[in-house]
Amino acid sequence: MPHQFSVNFSDPRSDGIKACDWRWPENKPVWAMSSRGETETRWYVDGPLTEEGRKELLKRVGLESVADQLPLETIATMSPAQLAYIGNANGQVQSSPVSDRIGDHCSAELVAA
């Protein structure tokens, strides 16, 4: 099974946690959103990548400065490895981002489509 990759961030509106997750529904890799309450252990799938999620992904890989060139539709199907490559190629990232997923703290460079 391919590595999974998650980028977690706080949700100030609900005191919970949100995540952008690299997933393979129907064997088509895409970013999806999930969430859980701060005291919960169960994650809930919230649907496709959102604009908020896009911004968090770009922040994690150091691509905030070129965010206007990477719209939601483009980011939604870019693997963590592709995002890390762009960040590294632009001198934006010093090292490859690491997944926040418990038990699978792999580097973005290892997670391709």
C-alpha atoms as a PDB file:
ATOM      1  CA  MET A   1       0.000   0.000   0.000  1.00  0.00           C
ATOM      2  CA  PRO A   2       1.336   3.467  -0.837  1.00  0.00           C
ATOM      3  CA  HIS A   3       2.297   5.798   1.975  1.00  0.00           C
ATOM      4  CA  GLN A   4      -0.365   8.135   3.220  1.00  0.00           C
ATOM      5  CA  PHE A   5       0.413  11.762   3.919  1.00  0.00           C
ATOM      6  CA  SER A   6      -1.451  14.250   6.096  1.00  0.00           C
ATOM      7  CA  VAL A   7      -1.039  17.903   6.939  1.00  0.00           C
ATOM      8  CA  ASN A   8      -2.812  18.756  10.193  1.00  0.00           C
ATOM      9  CA  PHE A   9      -3.802  22.258  11.272  1.00  0.00           C
ATOM     10  CA  SER A  10      -5.963  23.784  13.966  1.00  0.00           C
ATOM     11  CA  ASP A  11      -9.514  24.883  13.305  1.00  0.00           C
ATOM     12  CA  PRO A  12     -10.080  28.038  15.385  1.00  0.00           C
ATOM     13  CA  ARG A  13     -13.822  27.998  14.623  1.00  0.00           C
ATOM     14  CA  SER A  14     -14.353  24.691  16.416  1.00  0.00           C
ATOM     15  CA  ASP A  15     -11.300  24.135  18.634  1.00  0.00           C
ATOM     16  CA  GLY A  16     -10.738  21.004  16.601  1.00  0.00           C
ATOM     17  CA  ILE A  17      -8.178  19.760  14.128  1.00  0.00           C
ATOM     18  CA  LYS A  18      -8.440  19.641  10.349  1.00  0.00           C
ATOM     19  CA  ALA A  19      -6.245  17.747   7.932  1.00  0.00           C
ATOM     20  CA  CYS A  20      -5.422  17.585   4.257  1.00  0.00           C
ATOM     21  CA  ASP A  21      -4.993  13.905   3.417  1.00  0.00           C
ATOM     22  CA  TRP A  22      -3.426  12.369   0.313  1.00  0.00           C
ATOM     23  CA  ARG A  23      -5.880   9.567  -0.578  1.00  0.00           C
ATOM     24  CA  TRP A  24      -6.650   7.133  -3.380  1.00  0.00           C
ATOM     25  CA  PRO A  25     -10.435   6.880  -3.808  1.00  0.00           C
ATOM     26  CA  GLU A  26     -11.230   4.700  -6.830  1.00  0.00           C
ATOM     27  CA  ASN A  27      -7.453   4.467  -7.500  1.00  0.00           C
ATOM     28  CA  LYS A  28      -7.313   8.177  -8.363  1.00  0.00           C
ATOM     29  CA  PRO A  29      -4.965  10.027  -6.001  1.00  0.00           C
ATOM     30  CA  VAL A  30      -6.332  13.331  -4.669  1.00  0.00           C
ATOM     31  CA  TRP A  31      -6.194  15.537  -1.611  1.00  0.00           C
ATOM     32  CA  ALA A  32      -9.207  15.307   0.697  1.00  0.00           C
ATOM     33  CA  MET A  33     -10.179  17.053   3.901  1.00  0.00           C
ATOM     34  CA  SER A  34     -10.862  15.447   7.270  1.00  0.00           C
ATOM     35  CA  SER A  35     -11.491  16.717  10.787  1.00  0.00           C
ATOM     36  CA  ARG A  36     -11.887  15.708  14.407  1.00  0.00           C
ATOM     37  CA  GLY A  37     -12.684  17.417  17.667  1.00  0.00           C
ATOM     38  CA  GLU A  38      -9.761  18.123  19.959  1.00  0.00           C
ATOM     39  CA  THR A  39     -10.812  15.442  22.442  1.00  0.00           C
ATOM     40  CA  GLU A  40     -11.958  12.917  19.822  1.00  0.00           C
ATOM     41  CA  THR A  41      -9.876  10.106  18.397  1.00  0.00           C
ATOM     42  CA  ARG A  42     -12.013   9.429  15.323  1.00  0.00           C
ATOM     43  CA  TRP A  43     -11.380  11.390  12.118  1.00  0.00           C
ATOM     44  CA  TYR A  44     -14.278  12.298   9.805  1.00  0.00           C
ATOM     45  CA  VAL A  45     -13.910  12.631   6.032  1.00  0.00           C
ATOM     46  CA  ASP A  46     -15.159  16.098   5.081  1.00  0.00           C
ATOM     47  CA  GLY A  47     -14.838  15.916   1.299  1.00  0.00           C
ATOM     48  CA  PRO A  48     -12.529  17.320  -1.369  1.00  0.00           C
ATOM     49  CA  LEU A  49      -9.678  19.731  -0.742  1.00  0.00           C
ATOM     50  CA  THR A  50     -10.871  23.222   0.214  1.00  0.00           C
ATOM     51  CA  GLU A  51      -9.274  26.615  -0.289  1.00  0.00           C
ATOM     52  CA  GLU A  52      -8.329  26.603   3.396  1.00  0.00           C
ATOM     53  CA  GLY A  53      -6.641  23.232   2.890  1.00  0.00           C
ATOM     54  CA  ARG A  54      -4.822  24.461  -0.218  1.00  0.00           C
ATOM     55  CA  LYS A  55      -3.336  27.349   1.765  1.00  0.00           C
ATOM     56  CA  GLU A  56      -2.187  25.002   4.543  1.00  0.00           C
ATOM     57  CA  LEU A  57      -0.556  22.630   2.035  1.00  0.00           C
ATOM     58  CA  LEU A  58       1.284  25.470   0.339  1.00  0.00           C
ATOM     59  CA  LYS A  59       2.432  26.796   3.706  1.00  0.00           C
ATOM     60  CA  ARG A  60       3.757  23.356   4.700  1.00  0.00           C
ATOM     61  CA  VAL A  61       5.863  23.045   1.546  1.00  0.00           C
ATOM     62  CA  GLY A  62       6.970  26.677   1.557  1.00  0.00           C
ATOM     63  CA  LEU A  63       5.079  27.727  -1.559  1.00  0.00           C
ATOM     64  CA  GLU A  64       3.034  30.589  -0.136  1.00  0.00           C
ATOM     65  CA  SER A  65       4.941  33.086  -2.286  1.00  0.00           C
ATOM     66  CA  VAL A  66       3.736  31.394  -5.487  1.00  0.00           C
ATOM     67  CA  ALA A  67       0.229  30.513  -4.262  1.00  0.00           C
ATOM     68  CA  ASP A  68      -1.416  32.569  -7.015  1.00  0.00           C
ATOM     69  CA  GLN A  69       0.213  30.268  -9.604  1.00  0.00           C
ATOM     70  CA  LEU A  70      -1.103  27.097  -7.929  1.00  0.00           C
ATOM     71  CA  PRO A  71      -4.915  27.173  -7.882  1.00  0.00           C
ATOM     72  CA  LEU A  72      -7.051  24.683  -5.986  1.00  0.00           C
ATOM     73  CA  GLU A  73      -7.769  22.649  -9.136  1.00  0.00           C
ATOM     74  CA  THR A  74      -4.036  22.172  -9.728  1.00  0.00           C
ATOM     75  CA  ILE A  75      -3.090  21.372  -6.136  1.00  0.00           C
ATOM     76  CA  ALA A  76      -5.955  18.887  -5.679  1.00  0.00           C
ATOM     77  CA  THR A  77      -4.152  16.200  -7.713  1.00  0.00           C
ATOM     78  CA  MET A  78      -0.508  17.050  -7.026  1.00  0.00           C
ATOM     79  CA  SER A  79       1.207  14.432  -4.876  1.00  0.00           C
ATOM     80  CA  PRO A  80       3.193  15.416  -1.791  1.00  0.00           C
ATOM     81  CA  ALA A  81       6.342  14.533  -3.777  1.00  0.00           C
ATOM     82  CA  GLN A  82       5.371  16.929  -6.580  1.00  0.00           C
ATOM     83  CA  LEU A  83       4.698  19.745  -4.119  1.00  0.00           C
ATOM     84  CA  ALA A  84       8.004  19.130  -2.322  1.00  0.00           C
ATOM     85  CA  TYR A  85       9.834  19.084  -5.670  1.00  0.00           C
ATOM     86  CA  ILE A  86       8.397  22.486  -6.641  1.00  0.00           C
ATOM     87  CA  GLY A  87       9.299  23.876  -3.234  1.00  0.00           C
ATOM     88  CA  ASN A  88      12.835  22.519  -3.445  1.00  0.00           C
ATOM     89  CA  ALA A  89      13.290  23.644  -7.062  1.00  0.00           C
ATOM     90  CA  ASN A  90      12.266  27.181  -6.114  1.00  0.00           C
ATOM     91  CA  GLY A  91      14.559  27.207  -3.088  1.00  0.00           C
ATOM     92  CA  GLN A  92      11.532  27.531  -0.819  1.00  0.00           C
ATOM     93  CA  VAL A  93      12.041  24.380   1.269  1.00  0.00           C
ATOM     94  CA  GLN A  94      15.182  23.449   3.181  1.00  0.00           C
ATOM     95  CA  SER A  95      14.102  19.831   3.714  1.00  0.00           C
ATOM     96  CA  SER A  96      11.199  17.696   2.631  1.00  0.00           C
ATOM     97  CA  PRO A  97       8.023  18.160   4.682  1.00  0.00           C
ATOM     98  CA  VAL A  98       7.020  15.195   6.852  1.00  0.00           C
ATOM     99  CA  SER A  99       3.528  13.768   7.218  1.00  0.00           C
ATOM    100  CA  ASP A 100       1.588  14.458  10.414  1.00  0.00           C
ATOM    101  CA  ARG A 101      -0.124  11.078  10.136  1.00  0.00           C
ATOM    102  CA  ILE A 102       0.513   9.044  13.282  1.00  0.00           C
ATOM    103  CA  GLY A 103       2.506   5.917  12.534  1.00  0.00           C
ATOM    104  CA  ASP A 104       3.516   7.063   9.050  1.00  0.00           C
ATOM    105  CA  HIS A 105       5.766  10.099   9.448  1.00  0.00           C
ATOM    106  CA  CYS A 106       7.178   9.750   5.966  1.00  0.00           C
ATOM    107  CA  SER A 107       8.807  12.460   3.915  1.00  0.00           C
ATOM    108  CA  ALA A 108       6.762  14.123   1.157  1.00  0.00           C
ATOM    109  CA  GLU A 109       9.424  13.079  -1.349  1.00  0.00           C
ATOM    110  CA  LEU A 110       8.492   9.440  -0.747  1.00  0.00           C
ATOM    111  CA  VAL A 111       4.808   9.935  -1.484  1.00  0.00           C
ATOM    112  CA  ALA A 112       4.160  10.033  -5.211  1.00  0.00           C
ATOM    113  CA  ALA A 113       1.038   9.342  -7.202  1.00  0.00           C
END
